[in-house]
Structure formats: C-alpha cells, structure tokens
Amino acid sequence: MSEYDQPEAPAAEDLQFDHAEAAGPAAAPGSPVCAACKQEIPDAYYEVNGHVLCENCREVVQARLTGGSGMARFIRATVFGTAAAVAGFGIYFGVMKLAKLEIGLISILVGLMVGAAVRSGSQNRGGWLYQLLAVFLTYSAIVASYTAIVAPQIIAGIKEKGAANAAAGGQPGNAGAANQPAAANAPRPDLGGALLALVAVLGLLYAFPIIAGFHSPIGLLIIGFALWEAWKLNRRQKVVITGPYQVGQGAPGYA
C-alpha cells in the first residue's frame, strides 16, 4: 500500500481522483477492467482512490506523483499563470475601454483562469507553493486593472496641480533663475533611493484594491472570491494506492 499527499495524477486525462468513479463493467465475473486504459485485468490489479488500475497504469500514476523536476514544474506554472494573468487583465481592460464598464466580477474569471493555468503548468501537483503563486498572480492582475483605472486620474490631478502652481508663481522665468543655485547643489538620487521609491510605488499600487474596498465592500468581497478560486484550484489532493490484489479473491472494490 502506498500513500502520496499529492494531487490527482491520472494515467488517462479523464480519470479524476478527487472522487470515486465506476471503473466500468467487467467483461466477465472476477475480471475487472482498468479505469484508465479500459483493458481487462487478467491477474492482479491496484486501487487508486477507488479506481481499479492495471499494473502499467499504476506505474504511470506513481511516476507522475514522484517523478520530474520540481523547479521545472514551478517555472512552467509561473509562465502559464503569468500568461493567464496578462490575458485576464486584457479582458478586464478591454471590457472597460470598449464597453465603458467596470465589471468587478471579471476578477473571479481572472482567478479561475490563473488557477487553472498554474495547475496545468504544475502538472496537477498542487500544494501551498502553487496556491500562493496562483493567488499572487491573480492579485497582480487585479492590481494592474485597478492601476489602469486609477493611474490616469492621478496623472491628470498632478498636471492640474502643476498648472495651478505655475499660474500662482507669477513669473516662472525669474523664479527659475533664483532657484538655479539650489538646484545645482541638490544631492543626486542614488540607486538605493531609487529602489526605495520603486518599492513605495509598488506598495501603493498593491494597496489600491484594498483601499478601494473600504469604499466598496462588495468589490473587496469579489476580490476575495477570485483569490479563493485561484487557491482552491491548486489545493493538494491525497492519492492512496493499494494492492496488488489478485483477481477473483474478493479484494476491496471487487468482491
């Protein structure tokens, strides 16, 4: 008996391990049929979360649960999830620009897209690492959507404020001449200061959805649903492999 705290890893694409499915009718009494390859099992079989599998399909399942490179899976999941996040942002921004609508429910669609993409890229492994990745990419796509809405308003406000200050200054030429020595002696920004400013800007951008949520709790609830969908799609599932059982001996699952 083998137990793996891993997600579904079927020998066939349509075989799911998160719920039991009938393996199909046996061709003859005591002759089970493999749930993956649909072939009769003449001698010994295994059970995988309630599915009857032959030896070959059991080996495929076990190899998918334990084999492969974890780093390669994570990189692939990141690439797939990022592509889905960009596509989700494009959908949101396109709806906003073309239809002149701001539909927060699109955030849930983004969560589903990113969650499914990360799970596909991880080869259905799941686990907290992929869950965090899916949540981060989903939230980043939502942040980009909020930024596309809020940033033009902020830039317009800065321009208006600058124009008002210039008008209140009277003669900008004399003022500029008077301030030239001070500007010349001003310290130049260093790399550390630039990085700190970048972190501050990113922190403000990532806070936009939460700040907006104080004014629109429904929007914050929708974001929570989106993140939950991304998290849920990448949860780790337990796969239990038992056997081998001899055909005709009344083993569990085939009395």
Protein backbone atom coordinates (compact mmCIF):
# COMPACT_ATOMS: atom_id res chain seq x y z
CA MET A 1 0.00 0.00 0.00
CA SER A 2 1.34 3.41 -0.95
CA GLU A 3 0.06 6.83 0.10
CA TYR A 4 1.06 10.11 -1.52
CA ASP A 5 0.00 13.52 -0.32
CA GLN A 6 -0.18 14.68 -3.93
CA PRO A 7 -2.84 15.84 -6.38
CA GLU A 8 -4.59 13.82 -8.97
CA ALA A 9 -2.13 12.29 -11.43
CA PRO A 10 -4.20 10.11 -13.73
CA ALA A 11 -2.96 7.60 -16.21
CA ALA A 12 -5.58 9.00 -18.56
CA GLU A 13 -6.64 12.63 -18.87
CA ASP A 14 -10.26 11.95 -17.95
CA LEU A 15 -9.51 9.93 -14.81
CA GLN A 16 -10.09 12.02 -11.67
CA PHE A 17 -9.00 11.03 -8.17
CA ASP A 18 -10.87 13.65 -6.16
CA HIS A 19 -13.99 11.48 -6.26
CA ALA A 20 -14.66 7.82 -6.91
CA GLU A 21 -15.90 6.75 -10.32
CA ALA A 22 -17.08 3.38 -11.51
CA ALA A 23 -14.33 1.50 -13.27
CA GLY A 24 -16.76 0.18 -15.83
CA PRO A 25 -18.43 -3.20 -16.10
CA ALA A 26 -16.21 -6.24 -16.00
CA ALA A 27 -16.12 -8.35 -19.12
CA ALA A 28 -16.64 -11.49 -17.03
CA PRO A 29 -17.16 -12.27 -13.34
CA GLY A 30 -13.90 -11.74 -11.49
CA SER A 31 -12.26 -9.94 -14.44
CA PRO A 32 -12.09 -6.21 -13.66
CA VAL A 33 -11.43 -3.52 -16.26
CA CYS A 34 -8.77 -0.86 -15.79
CA ALA A 35 -10.38 2.57 -15.32
CA ALA A 36 -7.60 4.23 -17.34
CA CYS A 37 -6.79 2.03 -20.32
CA LYS A 38 -10.15 0.16 -20.30
CA GLN A 39 -8.40 -3.20 -20.72
CA GLU A 40 -9.30 -6.39 -18.87
CA ILE A 41 -7.05 -7.23 -15.94
CA PRO A 42 -6.30 -10.97 -16.02
CA ASP A 43 -4.27 -11.43 -12.85
CA ALA A 44 -3.56 -8.60 -10.37
CA TYR A 45 -4.83 -5.06 -10.05
CA TYR A 46 -4.47 -1.98 -7.84
CA GLU A 47 -6.90 0.52 -6.38
CA VAL A 48 -6.16 4.23 -6.57
CA ASN A 49 -8.70 6.30 -4.62
CA GLY A 50 -11.44 3.87 -5.55
CA HIS A 51 -10.34 3.37 -9.17
CA VAL A 52 -9.26 -0.07 -10.37
CA LEU A 53 -5.99 0.14 -12.33
CA CYS A 54 -3.77 -2.39 -14.01
CA GLU A 55 -0.06 -2.67 -13.24
CA ASN A 56 1.06 -0.48 -16.17
CA CYS A 57 -1.38 2.34 -15.41
CA ARG A 58 -0.50 2.19 -11.72
CA GLU A 59 3.16 2.68 -12.64
CA VAL A 60 2.25 5.70 -14.78
CA VAL A 61 0.30 7.23 -11.90
CA GLN A 62 3.08 6.61 -9.42
CA ALA A 63 5.68 8.06 -11.80
CA ARG A 64 3.65 11.23 -12.24
CA LEU A 65 3.32 11.56 -8.47
CA THR A 66 7.02 11.19 -7.71
CA GLY A 67 8.97 11.93 -10.91
CA GLY A 68 10.05 15.05 -12.76
CA SER A 69 11.85 18.23 -11.75
CA GLY A 70 10.19 20.41 -9.13
CA MET A 71 11.99 23.52 -10.36
CA ALA A 72 10.89 22.88 -13.95
CA ARG A 73 7.30 22.44 -12.81
CA PHE A 74 7.39 25.67 -10.81
CA ILE A 75 8.87 27.64 -13.71
CA ARG A 76 6.29 26.22 -16.08
CA ALA A 77 3.48 27.00 -13.63
CA THR A 78 4.79 30.57 -13.29
CA VAL A 79 4.91 31.05 -17.06
CA PHE A 80 1.43 29.58 -17.58
CA GLY A 81 -0.02 31.56 -14.68
CA THR A 82 1.58 34.83 -15.81
CA ALA A 83 0.21 34.37 -19.33
CA ALA A 84 -3.27 33.79 -17.87
CA ALA A 85 -2.92 36.85 -15.63
CA VAL A 86 -1.97 39.03 -18.61
CA ALA A 87 -4.90 37.64 -20.59
CA GLY A 88 -7.23 38.31 -17.65
CA PHE A 89 -6.02 41.89 -17.40
CA GLY A 90 -6.55 42.27 -21.14
CA ILE A 91 -10.14 41.07 -20.79
CA TYR A 92 -10.84 43.46 -17.92
CA PHE A 93 -9.21 46.42 -19.63
CA GLY A 94 -10.90 45.62 -22.94
CA VAL A 95 -14.34 45.49 -21.34
CA MET A 96 -13.63 48.74 -19.52
CA LYS A 97 -12.47 50.54 -22.66
CA LEU A 98 -14.83 49.11 -25.26
CA ALA A 99 -18.00 48.70 -23.23
CA LYS A 100 -17.25 51.60 -20.86
CA LEU A 101 -18.00 49.28 -17.94
CA GLU A 102 -16.09 48.37 -14.80
CA ILE A 103 -17.26 44.82 -14.02
CA GLY A 104 -15.67 43.58 -10.81
CA LEU A 105 -16.95 40.06 -11.42
CA ILE A 106 -14.29 39.71 -14.11
CA SER A 107 -11.86 39.37 -11.20
CA ILE A 108 -13.40 35.97 -10.43
CA LEU A 109 -12.86 34.94 -14.05
CA VAL A 110 -9.22 36.01 -13.70
CA GLY A 111 -8.89 33.86 -10.58
CA LEU A 112 -10.27 30.85 -12.41
CA MET A 113 -8.02 31.42 -15.42
CA VAL A 114 -4.86 31.87 -13.37
CA GLY A 115 -5.67 29.00 -11.01
CA ALA A 116 -6.30 26.59 -13.89
CA ALA A 117 -3.15 27.74 -15.72
CA VAL A 118 -0.93 27.30 -12.65
CA ARG A 119 -2.38 23.84 -12.01
CA SER A 120 -1.79 22.85 -15.62
CA GLY A 121 1.78 24.14 -15.52
CA SER A 122 2.47 22.24 -12.29
CA GLN A 123 1.19 19.02 -13.89
CA ASN A 124 -1.67 18.91 -11.39
CA ARG A 125 0.68 18.65 -8.41
CA GLY A 126 -0.94 21.37 -6.31
CA GLY A 127 0.21 22.38 -2.83
CA TRP A 128 0.75 25.56 -0.86
CA LEU A 129 3.58 26.82 -3.10
CA TYR A 130 1.41 26.71 -6.21
CA GLN A 131 -1.54 28.09 -4.25
CA LEU A 132 0.49 31.12 -3.18
CA LEU A 133 1.74 31.56 -6.75
CA ALA A 134 -1.81 31.49 -8.15
CA VAL A 135 -3.04 33.96 -5.51
CA PHE A 136 -0.14 36.34 -6.15
CA LEU A 137 -0.58 36.31 -9.93
CA THR A 138 -4.35 36.73 -9.61
CA TYR A 139 -3.95 39.69 -7.26
CA SER A 140 -1.28 41.19 -9.52
CA ALA A 141 -3.70 41.07 -12.47
CA ILE A 142 -6.35 42.77 -10.32
CA VAL A 143 -3.82 45.41 -9.24
CA ALA A 144 -2.95 46.07 -12.89
CA SER A 145 -6.65 46.51 -13.66
CA TYR A 146 -7.11 48.97 -10.81
CA THR A 147 -3.95 50.82 -11.84
CA ALA A 148 -5.26 51.19 -15.40
CA ILE A 149 -8.33 52.88 -13.95
CA VAL A 150 -6.75 55.00 -11.21
CA ALA A 151 -3.39 55.98 -12.74
CA PRO A 152 -4.85 58.28 -15.46
CA GLN A 153 -6.86 60.07 -12.79
CA ILE A 154 -3.76 60.56 -10.62
CA ILE A 155 -1.70 61.83 -13.57
CA ALA A 156 -4.46 64.27 -14.53
CA GLY A 157 -4.58 65.56 -10.95
CA ILE A 158 -0.80 66.07 -10.88
CA LYS A 159 -0.93 68.02 -14.14
CA GLU A 160 -3.72 70.23 -12.85
CA LYS A 161 -1.81 70.90 -9.63
CA GLY A 162 1.35 71.74 -11.57
CA ALA A 163 -0.53 74.12 -13.83
CA ALA A 164 -2.09 75.83 -10.80
CA ASN A 165 1.30 76.24 -9.11
CA ALA A 166 2.81 77.68 -12.29
CA ALA A 167 -0.02 80.18 -12.58
CA ALA A 168 0.34 81.20 -8.93
CA GLY A 169 4.09 81.74 -9.30
CA GLY A 170 3.67 84.86 -11.42
CA GLN A 171 6.87 84.93 -13.50
CA PRO A 172 8.25 81.43 -13.76
CA GLY A 173 11.40 82.65 -15.52
CA ASN A 174 12.66 84.76 -12.57
CA ALA A 175 11.68 82.11 -10.08
CA GLY A 176 13.61 79.51 -12.05
CA ALA A 177 16.69 81.73 -12.18
CA ALA A 178 16.55 82.30 -8.43
CA ASN A 179 16.35 78.59 -7.74
CA GLN A 180 19.21 77.56 -10.05
CA PRO A 181 21.95 77.57 -7.34
CA ALA A 182 19.79 75.47 -5.03
CA ALA A 183 19.04 73.01 -7.81
CA ALA A 184 22.72 72.73 -8.67
CA ASN A 185 23.62 71.93 -5.05
CA ALA A 186 20.79 69.41 -4.59
CA PRO A 187 22.04 65.86 -3.97
CA ARG A 188 21.64 63.43 -6.81
CA PRO A 189 19.39 60.42 -6.13
CA ASP A 190 21.34 57.21 -5.58
CA LEU A 191 20.42 53.66 -6.52
CA GLY A 192 19.20 52.85 -3.02
CA GLY A 193 16.86 55.84 -3.04
CA ALA A 194 15.51 54.89 -6.46
CA LEU A 195 14.85 51.32 -5.33
CA LEU A 196 13.14 52.55 -2.18
CA ALA A 197 10.94 54.83 -4.25
CA LEU A 198 10.09 51.93 -6.58
CA VAL A 199 9.12 49.73 -3.61
CA ALA A 200 6.96 52.54 -2.23
CA VAL A 201 5.19 52.95 -5.57
CA LEU A 202 4.61 49.21 -5.91
CA GLY A 203 3.33 49.06 -2.35
CA LEU A 204 0.87 51.86 -3.10
CA LEU A 205 -0.29 50.13 -6.29
CA TYR A 206 -0.84 46.81 -4.50
CA ALA A 207 -2.79 48.66 -1.80
CA PHE A 208 -5.21 50.19 -4.34
CA PRO A 209 -7.72 47.30 -4.34
CA ILE A 210 -7.79 47.18 -0.53
CA ILE A 211 -8.15 50.96 -0.21
CA ALA A 212 -10.94 50.91 -2.78
CA GLY A 213 -12.55 48.08 -0.82
CA PHE A 214 -13.17 50.40 2.13
CA HIS A 215 -15.44 52.45 -0.11
CA SER A 216 -16.94 49.43 -1.89
CA PRO A 217 -17.06 46.32 0.34
CA ILE A 218 -18.73 44.34 -2.45
CA GLY A 219 -15.67 44.88 -4.64
CA LEU A 220 -13.41 43.64 -1.84
CA LEU A 221 -15.63 40.58 -1.42
CA ILE A 222 -15.40 39.84 -5.14
CA ILE A 223 -11.60 40.04 -4.97
CA GLY A 224 -11.69 37.61 -2.06
CA PHE A 225 -13.74 35.17 -4.14
CA ALA A 226 -11.26 35.50 -7.03
CA LEU A 227 -8.29 34.74 -4.78
CA TRP A 228 -10.14 31.83 -3.19
CA GLU A 229 -10.84 30.27 -6.59
CA ALA A 230 -7.16 30.51 -7.52
CA TRP A 231 -6.20 29.00 -4.16
CA LYS A 232 -8.81 26.23 -4.30
CA LEU A 233 -7.88 25.08 -7.80
CA ASN A 234 -4.34 24.36 -6.66
CA ARG A 235 -5.06 22.53 -3.44
CA ARG A 236 -3.15 19.33 -2.84
CA GLN A 237 -5.14 16.10 -3.01
CA LYS A 238 -4.25 12.84 -1.36
CA VAL A 239 -3.82 9.82 -3.60
CA VAL A 240 -3.83 6.40 -1.95
CA ILE A 241 -2.58 3.38 -3.91
CA THR A 242 -3.38 -0.05 -2.52
CA GLY A 243 -2.60 -3.50 -3.86
CA PRO A 244 -1.78 -5.63 -5.64
CA TYR A 245 -4.97 -7.67 -5.35
CA GLN A 246 -5.46 -10.96 -7.12
CA VAL A 247 -8.44 -11.18 -9.44
CA GLY A 248 -11.21 -13.38 -8.08
CA GLN A 249 -10.15 -13.21 -4.43
CA GLY A 250 -12.80 -10.70 -3.40
CA ALA A 251 -10.38 -7.83 -2.85
CA PRO A 252 -11.71 -4.41 -1.78
CA GLY A 253 -13.59 -2.74 -4.58
CA TYR A 254 -14.17 -6.00 -6.45
CA ALA A 255 -15.98 -8.52 -4.32
